[in-house]
PDB file of N, CA and C in Angstrom:
ATOM      1  N   MET A   1      -8.869   3.938  -7.597  1.00  0.00           N
ATOM      2  CA  MET A   1      -7.818   4.830  -7.000  1.00  0.00           C
ATOM      3  C   MET A   1      -6.547   3.954  -6.446  1.00  0.00           C
ATOM      4  N   THR A   2      -5.377   4.140  -6.501  1.00  0.00           N
ATOM      5  CA  THR A   2      -4.247   3.594  -6.238  1.00  0.00           C
ATOM      6  C   THR A   2      -3.621   4.445  -5.014  1.00  0.00           C
ATOM      7  N   LEU A   3      -2.955   3.693  -4.096  1.00  0.00           N
ATOM      8  CA  LEU A   3      -2.266   4.479  -2.995  1.00  0.00           C
ATOM      9  C   LEU A   3      -1.458   5.613  -3.477  1.00  0.00           C
ATOM     10  N   ASN A   4      -0.961   5.663  -4.561  1.00  0.00           N
ATOM     11  CA  ASN A   4      -0.190   6.984  -4.878  1.00  0.00           C
ATOM     12  C   ASN A   4      -0.993   8.010  -4.819  1.00  0.00           C
ATOM     13  N   ASP A   5      -2.541   7.978  -5.103  1.00  0.00           N
ATOM     14  CA  ASP A   5      -3.397   9.084  -5.060  1.00  0.00           C
ATOM     15  C   ASP A   5      -3.983   9.405  -3.789  1.00  0.00           C
ATOM     16  N   ALA A   6      -3.412   8.649  -2.567  1.00  0.00           N
ATOM     17  CA  ALA A   6      -4.059   8.781  -1.143  1.00  0.00           C
ATOM     18  C   ALA A   6      -3.609  10.275  -0.665  1.00  0.00           C
ATOM     19  N   GLU A   7      -4.525  10.657   0.137  1.00  0.00           N
ATOM     20  CA  GLU A   7      -3.965  11.901   0.959  1.00  0.00           C
ATOM     21  C   GLU A   7      -3.348  11.527   2.227  1.00  0.00           C
ATOM     22  N   ILE A   8      -2.218  12.224   2.780  1.00  0.00           N
ATOM     23  CA  ILE A   8      -1.282  12.011   3.831  1.00  0.00           C
ATOM     24  C   ILE A   8      -2.362  12.225   4.866  1.00  0.00           C
ATOM     25  N   GLY A   9      -2.170  11.173   5.792  1.00  0.00           N
ATOM     26  CA  GLY A   9      -2.833  11.061   7.131  1.00  0.00           C
ATOM     27  C   GLY A   9      -4.410  10.427   7.223  1.00  0.00           C
ATOM     28  N   LYS A  10      -4.864  10.298   6.056  1.00  0.00           N
ATOM     29  CA  LYS A  10      -6.371   9.577   6.032  1.00  0.00           C
ATOM     30  C   LYS A  10      -6.254   8.251   5.881  1.00  0.00           C
ATOM     31  N   GLU A  11      -6.961   7.457   6.603  1.00  0.00           N
ATOM     32  CA  GLU A  11      -7.057   5.863   6.599  1.00  0.00           C
ATOM     33  C   GLU A  11      -7.882   5.648   5.387  1.00  0.00           C
ATOM     34  N   TYR A  12      -7.322   4.452   4.729  1.00  0.00           N
ATOM     35  CA  TYR A  12      -8.119   3.884   3.837  1.00  0.00           C
ATOM     36  C   TYR A  12      -8.225   2.420   4.012  1.00  0.00           C
ATOM     37  N   ARG A  13      -9.217   1.855   3.279  1.00  0.00           N
ATOM     38  CA  ARG A  13      -9.055   0.436   3.384  1.00  0.00           C
ATOM     39  C   ARG A  13      -8.922  -0.238   1.943  1.00  0.00           C
ATOM     40  N   ILE A  14      -8.019  -1.183   1.955  1.00  0.00           N
ATOM     41  CA  ILE A  14      -7.407  -1.794   0.787  1.00  0.00           C
ATOM     42  C   ILE A  14      -8.604  -2.410  -0.074  1.00  0.00           C
ATOM     43  N   ASP A  15      -9.006  -2.190  -1.223  1.00  0.00           N
ATOM     44  CA  ASP A  15     -10.054  -2.775  -1.945  1.00  0.00           C
ATOM     45  C   ASP A  15      -9.430  -3.938  -2.735  1.00  0.00           C
ATOM     46  N   ALA A  16      -8.251  -4.065  -3.362  1.00  0.00           N
ATOM     47  CA  ALA A  16      -7.578  -5.201  -3.771  1.00  0.00           C
ATOM     48  C   ALA A  16      -6.119  -4.681  -4.180  1.00  0.00           C
ATOM     49  N   ILE A  17      -5.549  -5.982  -4.416  1.00  0.00           N
ATOM     50  CA  ILE A  17      -4.030  -5.938  -4.892  1.00  0.00           C
ATOM     51  C   ILE A  17      -3.794  -6.294  -6.190  1.00  0.00           C
ATOM     52  N   ASP A  18      -3.455  -5.412  -7.174  1.00  0.00           N
ATOM     53  CA  ASP A  18      -3.363  -5.768  -8.589  1.00  0.00           C
ATOM     54  C   ASP A  18      -1.923  -5.590  -8.983  1.00  0.00           C
ATOM     55  N   THR A  19      -1.287  -6.683  -9.171  1.00  0.00           N
ATOM     56  CA  THR A  19       0.186  -6.858  -9.458  1.00  0.00           C
ATOM     57  C   THR A  19       0.562  -7.214 -10.913  1.00  0.00           C
ATOM     58  N   GLY A  20      -0.711  -7.383 -11.488  1.00  0.00           N
ATOM     59  CA  GLY A  20      -0.483  -7.845 -12.954  1.00  0.00           C
ATOM     60  C   GLY A  20       0.229  -9.216 -13.072  1.00  0.00           C
ATOM     61  N   ASN A  21      -0.456 -10.169 -12.204  1.00  0.00           N
ATOM     62  CA  ASN A  21       0.356 -11.504 -12.173  1.00  0.00           C
ATOM     63  C   ASN A  21       1.722 -11.699 -11.663  1.00  0.00           C
ATOM     64  N   ASP A  22       2.328 -10.581 -11.081  1.00  0.00           N
ATOM     65  CA  ASP A  22       3.508 -10.772 -10.459  1.00  0.00           C
ATOM     66  C   ASP A  22       3.362 -11.312  -9.054  1.00  0.00           C
ATOM     67  N   GLU A  23       3.638 -12.644  -9.042  1.00  0.00           N
ATOM     68  CA  GLU A  23       3.411 -13.330  -7.634  1.00  0.00           C
ATOM     69  C   GLU A  23       4.519 -12.887  -6.619  1.00  0.00           C
ATOM     70  N   GLU A  24       5.544 -12.672  -6.977  1.00  0.00           N
ATOM     71  CA  GLU A  24       6.527 -12.031  -6.098  1.00  0.00           C
ATOM     72  C   GLU A  24       6.192 -10.820  -5.215  1.00  0.00           C
ATOM     73  N   MET A  25       5.752  -9.988  -6.237  1.00  0.00           N
ATOM     74  CA  MET A  25       5.299  -8.528  -5.673  1.00  0.00           C
ATOM     75  C   MET A  25       4.026  -8.810  -4.663  1.00  0.00           C
ATOM     76  N   GLU A  26       3.295  -9.595  -5.084  1.00  0.00           N
ATOM     77  CA  GLU A  26       1.715 -10.018  -4.303  1.00  0.00           C
ATOM     78  C   GLU A  26       2.245 -10.743  -2.944  1.00  0.00           C
ATOM     79  N   SER A  27       3.123 -11.504  -3.183  1.00  0.00           N
ATOM     80  CA  SER A  27       3.730 -12.326  -1.902  1.00  0.00           C
ATOM     81  C   SER A  27       4.372 -11.113  -0.863  1.00  0.00           C
ATOM     82  N   PHE A  28       5.233 -10.393  -1.383  1.00  0.00           N
ATOM     83  CA  PHE A  28       5.906  -9.369  -0.724  1.00  0.00           C
ATOM     84  C   PHE A  28       4.851  -8.477   0.039  1.00  0.00           C
ATOM     85  N   LEU A  29       3.913  -7.938  -0.736  1.00  0.00           N
ATOM     86  CA  LEU A  29       2.790  -7.038   0.047  1.00  0.00           C
ATOM     87  C   LEU A  29       1.929  -7.785   0.868  1.00  0.00           C
ATOM     88  N   PHE A  30       1.788  -9.095   0.733  1.00  0.00           N
ATOM     89  CA  PHE A  30       0.944  -9.829   1.657  1.00  0.00           C
ATOM     90  C   PHE A  30       1.740  -9.991   3.088  1.00  0.00           C
ATOM     91  N   SER A  31       3.080 -10.111   2.743  1.00  0.00           N
ATOM     92  CA  SER A  31       3.796 -10.214   4.070  1.00  0.00           C
ATOM     93  C   SER A  31       3.857  -9.160   4.940  1.00  0.00           C
ATOM     94  N   LEU A  32       3.574  -7.780   4.215  1.00  0.00           N
ATOM     95  CA  LEU A  32       3.704  -6.679   4.809  1.00  0.00           C
ATOM     96  C   LEU A  32       2.387  -6.426   5.538  1.00  0.00           C
ATOM     97  N   GLY A  33       1.317  -7.269   5.145  1.00  0.00           N
ATOM     98  CA  GLY A  33      -0.055  -6.978   5.761  1.00  0.00           C
ATOM     99  C   GLY A  33      -1.007  -6.206   4.709  1.00  0.00           C
ATOM    100  N   CYS A  34      -0.365  -6.018   3.420  1.00  0.00           N
ATOM    101  CA  CYS A  34      -1.217  -5.423   2.366  1.00  0.00           C
ATOM    102  C   CYS A  34      -2.200  -6.561   1.839  1.00  0.00           C
ATOM    103  N   TYR A  35      -3.304  -6.398   1.991  1.00  0.00           N
ATOM    104  CA  TYR A  35      -4.308  -7.348   1.411  1.00  0.00           C
ATOM    105  C   TYR A  35      -5.683  -6.923   1.723  1.00  0.00           C
ATOM    106  N   SER A  36      -6.677  -7.392   0.818  1.00  0.00           N
ATOM    107  CA  SER A  36      -8.016  -6.856   0.801  1.00  0.00           C
ATOM    108  C   SER A  36      -8.527  -6.694   1.968  1.00  0.00           C
ATOM    109  N   GLY A  37      -9.415  -5.546   2.370  1.00  0.00           N
ATOM    110  CA  GLY A  37      -9.821  -5.506   3.711  1.00  0.00           C
ATOM    111  C   GLY A  37      -9.142  -4.712   4.697  1.00  0.00           C
ATOM    112  N   GLU A  38      -7.737  -4.641   4.676  1.00  0.00           N
ATOM    113  CA  GLU A  38      -6.882  -4.230   5.775  1.00  0.00           C
ATOM    114  C   GLU A  38      -6.862  -2.600   5.608  1.00  0.00           C
ATOM    115  N   ASN A  39      -6.871  -2.042   6.592  1.00  0.00           N
ATOM    116  CA  ASN A  39      -6.566  -0.491   6.748  1.00  0.00           C
ATOM    117  C   ASN A  39      -5.158  -0.211   6.504  1.00  0.00           C
ATOM    118  N   ILE A  40      -5.027   1.109   5.859  1.00  0.00           N
ATOM    119  CA  ILE A  40      -3.529   1.693   5.466  1.00  0.00           C
ATOM    120  C   ILE A  40      -3.787   3.076   5.418  1.00  0.00           C
ATOM    121  N   THR A  41      -2.558   3.619   6.027  1.00  0.00           N
ATOM    122  CA  THR A  41      -2.530   5.133   6.066  1.00  0.00           C
ATOM    123  C   THR A  41      -1.249   5.504   5.648  1.00  0.00           C
ATOM    124  N   VAL A  42      -1.440   6.462   4.578  1.00  0.00           N
ATOM    125  CA  VAL A  42      -0.014   7.251   4.109  1.00  0.00           C
ATOM    126  C   VAL A  42       0.516   8.157   5.048  1.00  0.00           C
ATOM    127  N   VAL A  43       1.654   7.834   5.562  1.00  0.00           N
ATOM    128  CA  VAL A  43       2.007   8.835   6.649  1.00  0.00           C
ATOM    129  C   VAL A  43       2.975  10.095   6.156  1.00  0.00           C
ATOM    130  N   ASP A  44       3.756   9.696   4.955  1.00  0.00           N
ATOM    131  CA  ASP A  44       4.589  10.646   4.344  1.00  0.00           C
ATOM    132  C   ASP A  44       4.572  10.353   2.977  1.00  0.00           C
ATOM    133  N   LYS A  45       5.019  11.554   1.996  1.00  0.00           N
ATOM    134  CA  LYS A  45       5.075  11.278   0.476  1.00  0.00           C
ATOM    135  C   LYS A  45       6.144  12.129   0.176  1.00  0.00           C
ATOM    136  N   LYS A  46       7.381  11.426  -0.291  1.00  0.00           N
ATOM    137  CA  LYS A  46       8.390  12.154  -1.011  1.00  0.00           C
ATOM    138  C   LYS A  46       8.770  11.276  -2.134  1.00  0.00           C
ATOM    139  N   ARG A  47       9.975  10.993  -2.282  1.00  0.00           N
ATOM    140  CA  ARG A  47      10.132   9.998  -3.383  1.00  0.00           C
ATOM    141  C   ARG A  47       9.405   8.679  -3.380  1.00  0.00           C
ATOM    142  N   ASN A  48       9.446   8.137  -2.232  1.00  0.00           N
ATOM    143  CA  ASN A  48       8.688   6.980  -1.834  1.00  0.00           C
ATOM    144  C   ASN A  48       7.394   7.313  -0.709  1.00  0.00           C
ATOM    145  N   LEU A  49       6.525   6.445  -0.467  1.00  0.00           N
ATOM    146  CA  LEU A  49       5.644   6.497   0.404  1.00  0.00           C
ATOM    147  C   LEU A  49       5.858   5.825   1.572  1.00  0.00           C
ATOM    148  N   VAL A  50       5.635   6.558   2.921  1.00  0.00           N
ATOM    149  CA  VAL A  50       5.847   5.823   4.012  1.00  0.00           C
ATOM    150  C   VAL A  50       4.282   5.535   4.579  1.00  0.00           C
ATOM    151  N   VAL A  51       3.978   4.052   4.889  1.00  0.00           N
ATOM    152  CA  VAL A  51       2.684   3.965   5.215  1.00  0.00           C
ATOM    153  C   VAL A  51       2.652   3.021   6.247  1.00  0.00           C
ATOM    154  N   ALA A  52       1.486   3.316   7.107  1.00  0.00           N
ATOM    155  CA  ALA A  52       1.154   2.508   8.324  1.00  0.00           C
ATOM    156  C   ALA A  52       0.196   1.392   7.996  1.00  0.00           C
ATOM    157  N   ILE A  53       0.601   0.298   8.347  1.00  0.00           N
ATOM    158  CA  ILE A  53      -0.512  -0.877   8.180  1.00  0.00           C
ATOM    159  C   ILE A  53      -0.259  -1.575   9.663  1.00  0.00           C
ATOM    160  N   LYS A  54      -1.495  -1.747  10.167  1.00  0.00           N
ATOM    161  CA  LYS A  54      -1.517  -2.402  11.603  1.00  0.00           C
ATOM    162  C   LYS A  54      -0.773  -1.407  12.565  1.00  0.00           C
ATOM    163  N   ASP A  55       0.225  -2.069  13.188  1.00  0.00           N
ATOM    164  CA  ASP A  55       1.099  -1.232  14.014  1.00  0.00           C
ATOM    165  C   ASP A  55       2.653  -0.960  13.433  1.00  0.00           C
ATOM    166  N   ALA A  56       2.816  -1.031  12.272  1.00  0.00           N
ATOM    167  CA  ALA A  56       4.052  -1.000  11.571  1.00  0.00           C
ATOM    168  C   ALA A  56       3.931   0.230  10.588  1.00  0.00           C
ATOM    169  N   ARG A  57       5.334   0.701  10.320  1.00  0.00           N
ATOM    170  CA  ARG A  57       5.456   1.516   9.140  1.00  0.00           C
ATOM    171  C   ARG A  57       6.433   0.793   8.171  1.00  0.00           C
ATOM    172  N   TYR A  58       6.030   1.153   6.818  1.00  0.00           N
ATOM    173  CA  TYR A  58       7.039   0.599   5.695  1.00  0.00           C
ATOM    174  C   TYR A  58       7.327   1.960   4.915  1.00  0.00           C
ATOM    175  N   ASN A  59       8.497   1.737   4.241  1.00  0.00           N
ATOM    176  CA  ASN A  59       8.643   2.795   3.092  1.00  0.00           C
ATOM    177  C   ASN A  59       8.739   1.772   1.803  1.00  0.00           C
ATOM    178  N   ILE A  60       7.538   2.181   0.941  1.00  0.00           N
ATOM    179  CA  ILE A  60       7.550   1.469  -0.343  1.00  0.00           C
ATOM    180  C   ILE A  60       7.583   2.626  -1.570  1.00  0.00           C
ATOM    181  N   ASP A  61       7.976   1.934  -2.623  1.00  0.00           N
ATOM    182  CA  ASP A  61       8.198   2.733  -3.804  1.00  0.00           C
ATOM    183  C   ASP A  61       6.919   2.861  -4.440  1.00  0.00           C
ATOM    184  N   PRO A  62       6.619   3.926  -5.465  1.00  0.00           N
ATOM    185  CA  PRO A  62       5.606   4.291  -6.307  1.00  0.00           C
ATOM    186  C   PRO A  62       4.991   3.100  -7.075  1.00  0.00           C
ATOM    187  N   GLU A  63       6.032   2.092  -7.486  1.00  0.00           N
ATOM    188  CA  GLU A  63       5.504   0.912  -8.356  1.00  0.00           C
ATOM    189  C   GLU A  63       4.684   0.003  -7.281  1.00  0.00           C
ATOM    190  N   LEU A  64       4.940  -0.095  -6.224  1.00  0.00           N
ATOM    191  CA  LEU A  64       4.331  -1.039  -5.165  1.00  0.00           C
ATOM    192  C   LEU A  64       3.099  -0.475  -4.841  1.00  0.00           C
ATOM    193  N   ALA A  65       3.233   0.980  -4.543  1.00  0.00           N
ATOM    194  CA  ALA A  65       1.826   1.710  -4.183  1.00  0.00           C
ATOM    195  C   ALA A  65       0.868   1.664  -5.260  1.00  0.00           C
ATOM    196  N   SER A  66       1.300   1.677  -6.610  1.00  0.00           N
ATOM    197  CA  SER A  66       0.390   1.646  -7.623  1.00  0.00           C
ATOM    198  C   SER A  66      -0.566   0.253  -7.820  1.00  0.00           C
ATOM    199  N   ALA A  67       0.121  -0.819  -7.120  1.00  0.00           N
ATOM    200  CA  ALA A  67      -0.666  -2.023  -7.128  1.00  0.00           C
ATOM    201  C   ALA A  67      -1.672  -2.182  -5.885  1.00  0.00           C
ATOM    202  N   ILE A  68      -1.453  -1.244  -5.044  1.00  0.00           N
ATOM    203  CA  ILE A  68      -2.508  -1.157  -4.058  1.00  0.00           C
ATOM    204  C   ILE A  68      -3.488  -0.265  -4.308  1.00  0.00           C
ATOM    205  N   LYS A  69      -4.897  -1.105  -4.353  1.00  0.00           N
ATOM    206  CA  LYS A  69      -6.252  -0.203  -4.894  1.00  0.00           C
ATOM    207  C   LYS A  69      -6.887   0.073  -3.480  1.00  0.00           C
ATOM    208  N   ILE A  70      -7.260   1.342  -3.381  1.00  0.00           N
ATOM    209  CA  ILE A  70      -7.808   1.664  -2.100  1.00  0.00           C
ATOM    210  C   ILE A  70      -9.322   2.360  -2.746  1.00  0.00           C
TER     211      ILE A  70
END
C-alpha cells in the first residue's frame, strides 16, 4: 500500500521507499525524514497530501506519495 491509500489522521510506519531508481527523489524524501521505519501521518488530502513526519508538516504531490510504501 502506498501513502496515497492512507487514511487521514492515522499513523503509519514507512515500510520502504520505491522511487524506481530515481536517486534525486529518494534523496529528497530522505531529507524530509521519509525512510524505512519512520512514522508518518496524512493530515489532509486535496490535490496534494499534507503529511506529518516527526515534528514537521510537508505538502507532497501524489507522485512522491506513491513512492512511499506503508
